[in-house]
């Protein structure tokens, strides 16, 4: 199957690295409801698995380990995405917004 000219142009115009594309796709995925549902199912499965474990410390260690690894990966991924413009506004944007608000408050109090 031959690709259309628009698809070829779009592919050439995307100069992001494969990792950048992965970060953007993953950021979109973890920001939606299905990801939360999967996490909730993992916790529910862990909760009902109590009778399968002989030692409760091991049972707790499992969820702590899974949660720690998942948290580390997600924080790194989301920080990476926010640095690339996929998240919070940058420092310069926050500064400009703050300056705009200061002007509004200054003009309101000076009237």
C-alpha atoms as a PDB file:
ATOM      1  CA  UNK A   1       0.000   0.000   0.000  1.00  0.00           C
ATOM      2  CA  UNK A   2       1.410   3.335  -1.043  1.00  0.00           C
ATOM      3  CA  UNK A   3       1.380   6.269   1.356  1.00  0.00           C
ATOM      4  CA  UNK A   4      -0.283   9.511   0.365  1.00  0.00           C
ATOM      5  CA  UNK A   5       1.767  12.637  -0.200  1.00  0.00           C
ATOM      6  CA  UNK A   6       0.304  14.197   2.967  1.00  0.00           C
ATOM      7  CA  UNK A   7       1.405  11.200   5.030  1.00  0.00           C
ATOM      8  CA  UNK A   8       4.912  11.379   3.574  1.00  0.00           C
ATOM      9  CA  UNK A   9       5.140  15.113   4.328  1.00  0.00           C
ATOM     10  CA  UNK A  10       3.821  14.626   7.841  1.00  0.00           C
ATOM     11  CA  UNK A  11       6.413  11.910   8.469  1.00  0.00           C
ATOM     12  CA  UNK A  12       9.266  14.066   7.139  1.00  0.00           C
ATOM     13  CA  UNK A  13       8.082  17.111   9.111  1.00  0.00           C
ATOM     14  CA  UNK A  14       8.152  15.233  12.410  1.00  0.00           C
ATOM     15  CA  UNK A  15      11.738  15.758  13.493  1.00  0.00           C
ATOM     16  CA  UNK A  16      11.223  14.442  16.993  1.00  0.00           C
ATOM     17  CA  UNK A  17      13.233  11.471  18.164  1.00  0.00           C
ATOM     18  CA  UNK A  18      11.488   8.138  18.754  1.00  0.00           C
ATOM     19  CA  UNK A  19      11.811   8.760  22.498  1.00  0.00           C
ATOM     20  CA  UNK A  20      10.079  12.150  22.177  1.00  0.00           C
ATOM     21  CA  UNK A  21       7.207  10.526  20.290  1.00  0.00           C
ATOM     22  CA  UNK A  22       7.025   7.797  22.953  1.00  0.00           C
ATOM     23  CA  UNK A  23       6.919  10.407  25.739  1.00  0.00           C
ATOM     24  CA  UNK A  24       4.082  12.275  24.044  1.00  0.00           C
ATOM     25  CA  UNK A  25       2.081   9.100  23.440  1.00  0.00           C
ATOM     26  CA  UNK A  26       2.645   7.830  26.976  1.00  0.00           C
ATOM     27  CA  UNK A  27       1.767  11.245  28.452  1.00  0.00           C
ATOM     28  CA  UNK A  28      -1.549  11.176  26.602  1.00  0.00           C
ATOM     29  CA  UNK A  29      -2.172   7.595  27.751  1.00  0.00           C
ATOM     30  CA  UNK A  30      -1.505   8.094  31.459  1.00  0.00           C
ATOM     31  CA  UNK A  31      -3.590  11.268  31.505  1.00  0.00           C
ATOM     32  CA  UNK A  32      -6.794   9.438  30.620  1.00  0.00           C
ATOM     33  CA  UNK A  33      -9.367   7.347  32.446  1.00  0.00           C
ATOM     34  CA  UNK A  34      -8.321   3.870  31.210  1.00  0.00           C
ATOM     35  CA  UNK A  35      -4.930   4.192  32.900  1.00  0.00           C
ATOM     36  CA  UNK A  36      -6.596   5.043  36.207  1.00  0.00           C
ATOM     37  CA  UNK A  37      -8.941   2.063  35.817  1.00  0.00           C
ATOM     38  CA  UNK A  38      -5.975  -0.268  35.220  1.00  0.00           C
ATOM     39  CA  UNK A  39      -4.253   1.075  38.356  1.00  0.00           C
ATOM     40  CA  UNK A  40      -7.445   0.643  40.385  1.00  0.00           C
ATOM     41  CA  UNK A  41      -7.767  -2.953  39.101  1.00  0.00           C
ATOM     42  CA  UNK A  42      -4.181  -3.689  40.159  1.00  0.00           C
ATOM     43  CA  UNK A  43      -4.931  -2.443  43.667  1.00  0.00           C
ATOM     44  CA  UNK A  44      -8.223  -4.384  43.811  1.00  0.00           C
ATOM     45  CA  UNK A  45      -6.465  -7.569  42.668  1.00  0.00           C
ATOM     46  CA  UNK A  46      -3.806  -7.032  45.299  1.00  0.00           C
ATOM     47  CA  UNK A  47      -6.428  -6.538  48.011  1.00  0.00           C
ATOM     48  CA  UNK A  48      -8.323  -9.745  47.236  1.00  0.00           C
ATOM     49  CA  UNK A  49      -5.084 -11.751  47.009  1.00  0.00           C
ATOM     50  CA  UNK A  50      -4.515 -11.647  50.786  1.00  0.00           C
ATOM     51  CA  UNK A  51      -5.463 -15.322  51.303  1.00  0.00           C
ATOM     52  CA  UNK A  52      -2.866 -16.413  48.722  1.00  0.00           C
ATOM     53  CA  UNK A  53       0.059 -15.071  50.761  1.00  0.00           C
ATOM     54  CA  UNK A  54       1.427 -16.830  53.794  1.00  0.00           C
ATOM     55  CA  UNK A  55       3.204 -13.762  55.131  1.00  0.00           C
ATOM     56  CA  UNK A  56       1.461 -10.373  55.220  1.00  0.00           C
ATOM     57  CA  UNK A  57       4.810  -8.559  55.013  1.00  0.00           C
ATOM     58  CA  UNK A  58       5.445 -10.128  51.610  1.00  0.00           C
ATOM     59  CA  UNK A  59       1.939  -9.157  50.545  1.00  0.00           C
ATOM     60  CA  UNK A  60       2.606  -5.535  51.507  1.00  0.00           C
ATOM     61  CA  UNK A  61       6.051  -5.587  49.913  1.00  0.00           C
ATOM     62  CA  UNK A  62       4.532  -6.535  46.573  1.00  0.00           C
ATOM     63  CA  UNK A  63       2.260  -3.483  46.360  1.00  0.00           C
ATOM     64  CA  UNK A  64       4.949  -1.168  47.720  1.00  0.00           C
ATOM     65  CA  UNK A  65       7.443  -2.365  45.122  1.00  0.00           C
ATOM     66  CA  UNK A  66       4.979  -2.128  42.239  1.00  0.00           C
ATOM     67  CA  UNK A  67       3.823   1.323  43.356  1.00  0.00           C
ATOM     68  CA  UNK A  68       7.379   2.597  43.823  1.00  0.00           C
ATOM     69  CA  UNK A  69       8.546   1.459  40.407  1.00  0.00           C
ATOM     70  CA  UNK A  70       5.425   2.771  38.675  1.00  0.00           C
ATOM     71  CA  UNK A  71       5.694   6.113  40.495  1.00  0.00           C
ATOM     72  CA  UNK A  72       9.348   6.538  39.573  1.00  0.00           C
ATOM     73  CA  UNK A  73       8.683   5.826  35.902  1.00  0.00           C
ATOM     74  CA  UNK A  74       5.627   8.081  35.733  1.00  0.00           C
ATOM     75  CA  UNK A  75       7.316  10.997  37.478  1.00  0.00           C
ATOM     76  CA  UNK A  76      10.285  10.780  35.116  1.00  0.00           C
ATOM     77  CA  UNK A  77       7.991  10.503  32.103  1.00  0.00           C
ATOM     78  CA  UNK A  78       5.691  13.363  33.099  1.00  0.00           C
ATOM     79  CA  UNK A  79       8.593  15.643  34.052  1.00  0.00           C
ATOM     80  CA  UNK A  80      10.162  14.940  30.678  1.00  0.00           C
ATOM     81  CA  UNK A  81       6.870  15.758  28.953  1.00  0.00           C
ATOM     82  CA  UNK A  82       6.418  18.984  30.905  1.00  0.00           C
ATOM     83  CA  UNK A  83       9.923  20.140  29.984  1.00  0.00           C
ATOM     84  CA  UNK A  84       9.067  19.621  26.347  1.00  0.00           C
ATOM     85  CA  UNK A  85       5.959  21.766  26.573  1.00  0.00           C
ATOM     86  CA  UNK A  86       3.425  19.018  27.176  1.00  0.00           C
ATOM     87  CA  UNK A  87       2.596  20.054  30.708  1.00  0.00           C
ATOM     88  CA  UNK A  88       2.833  23.093  32.936  1.00  0.00           C
ATOM     89  CA  UNK A  89       3.728  26.494  31.557  1.00  0.00           C
ATOM     90  CA  UNK A  90       7.397  27.350  31.596  1.00  0.00           C
ATOM     91  CA  UNK A  91       9.043  29.789  33.988  1.00  0.00           C
ATOM     92  CA  UNK A  92       8.899  32.647  31.484  1.00  0.00           C
ATOM     93  CA  UNK A  93       5.186  32.104  30.855  1.00  0.00           C
ATOM     94  CA  UNK A  94       4.428  32.049  34.598  1.00  0.00           C
ATOM     95  CA  UNK A  95       6.455  35.225  35.060  1.00  0.00           C
ATOM     96  CA  UNK A  96       4.560  37.000  32.260  1.00  0.00           C
ATOM     97  CA  UNK A  97       1.223  35.901  33.675  1.00  0.00           C
ATOM     98  CA  UNK A  98       2.227  37.098  37.121  1.00  0.00           C
ATOM     99  CA  UNK A  99       3.341  40.465  35.736  1.00  0.00           C
ATOM    100  CA  UNK A 100       0.002  40.833  33.960  1.00  0.00           C
ATOM    101  CA  UNK A 101      -1.861  40.199  37.190  1.00  0.00           C
ATOM    102  CA  UNK A 102       0.325  42.690  39.043  1.00  0.00           C
ATOM    103  CA  UNK A 103      -0.542  45.320  36.436  1.00  0.00           C
ATOM    104  CA  UNK A 104      -4.238  44.560  36.836  1.00  0.00           C
ATOM    105  CA  UNK A 105      -4.046  44.848  40.613  1.00  0.00           C
ATOM    106  CA  UNK A 106      -1.890  47.969  40.418  1.00  0.00           C
ATOM    107  CA  UNK A 107      -4.314  49.742  38.077  1.00  0.00           C
ATOM    108  CA  UNK A 108      -7.286  48.677  40.209  1.00  0.00           C
ATOM    109  CA  UNK A 109      -5.746  49.978  43.421  1.00  0.00           C
ATOM    110  CA  UNK A 110      -4.434  53.148  41.810  1.00  0.00           C
ATOM    111  CA  UNK A 111      -7.884  54.243  40.549  1.00  0.00           C
END
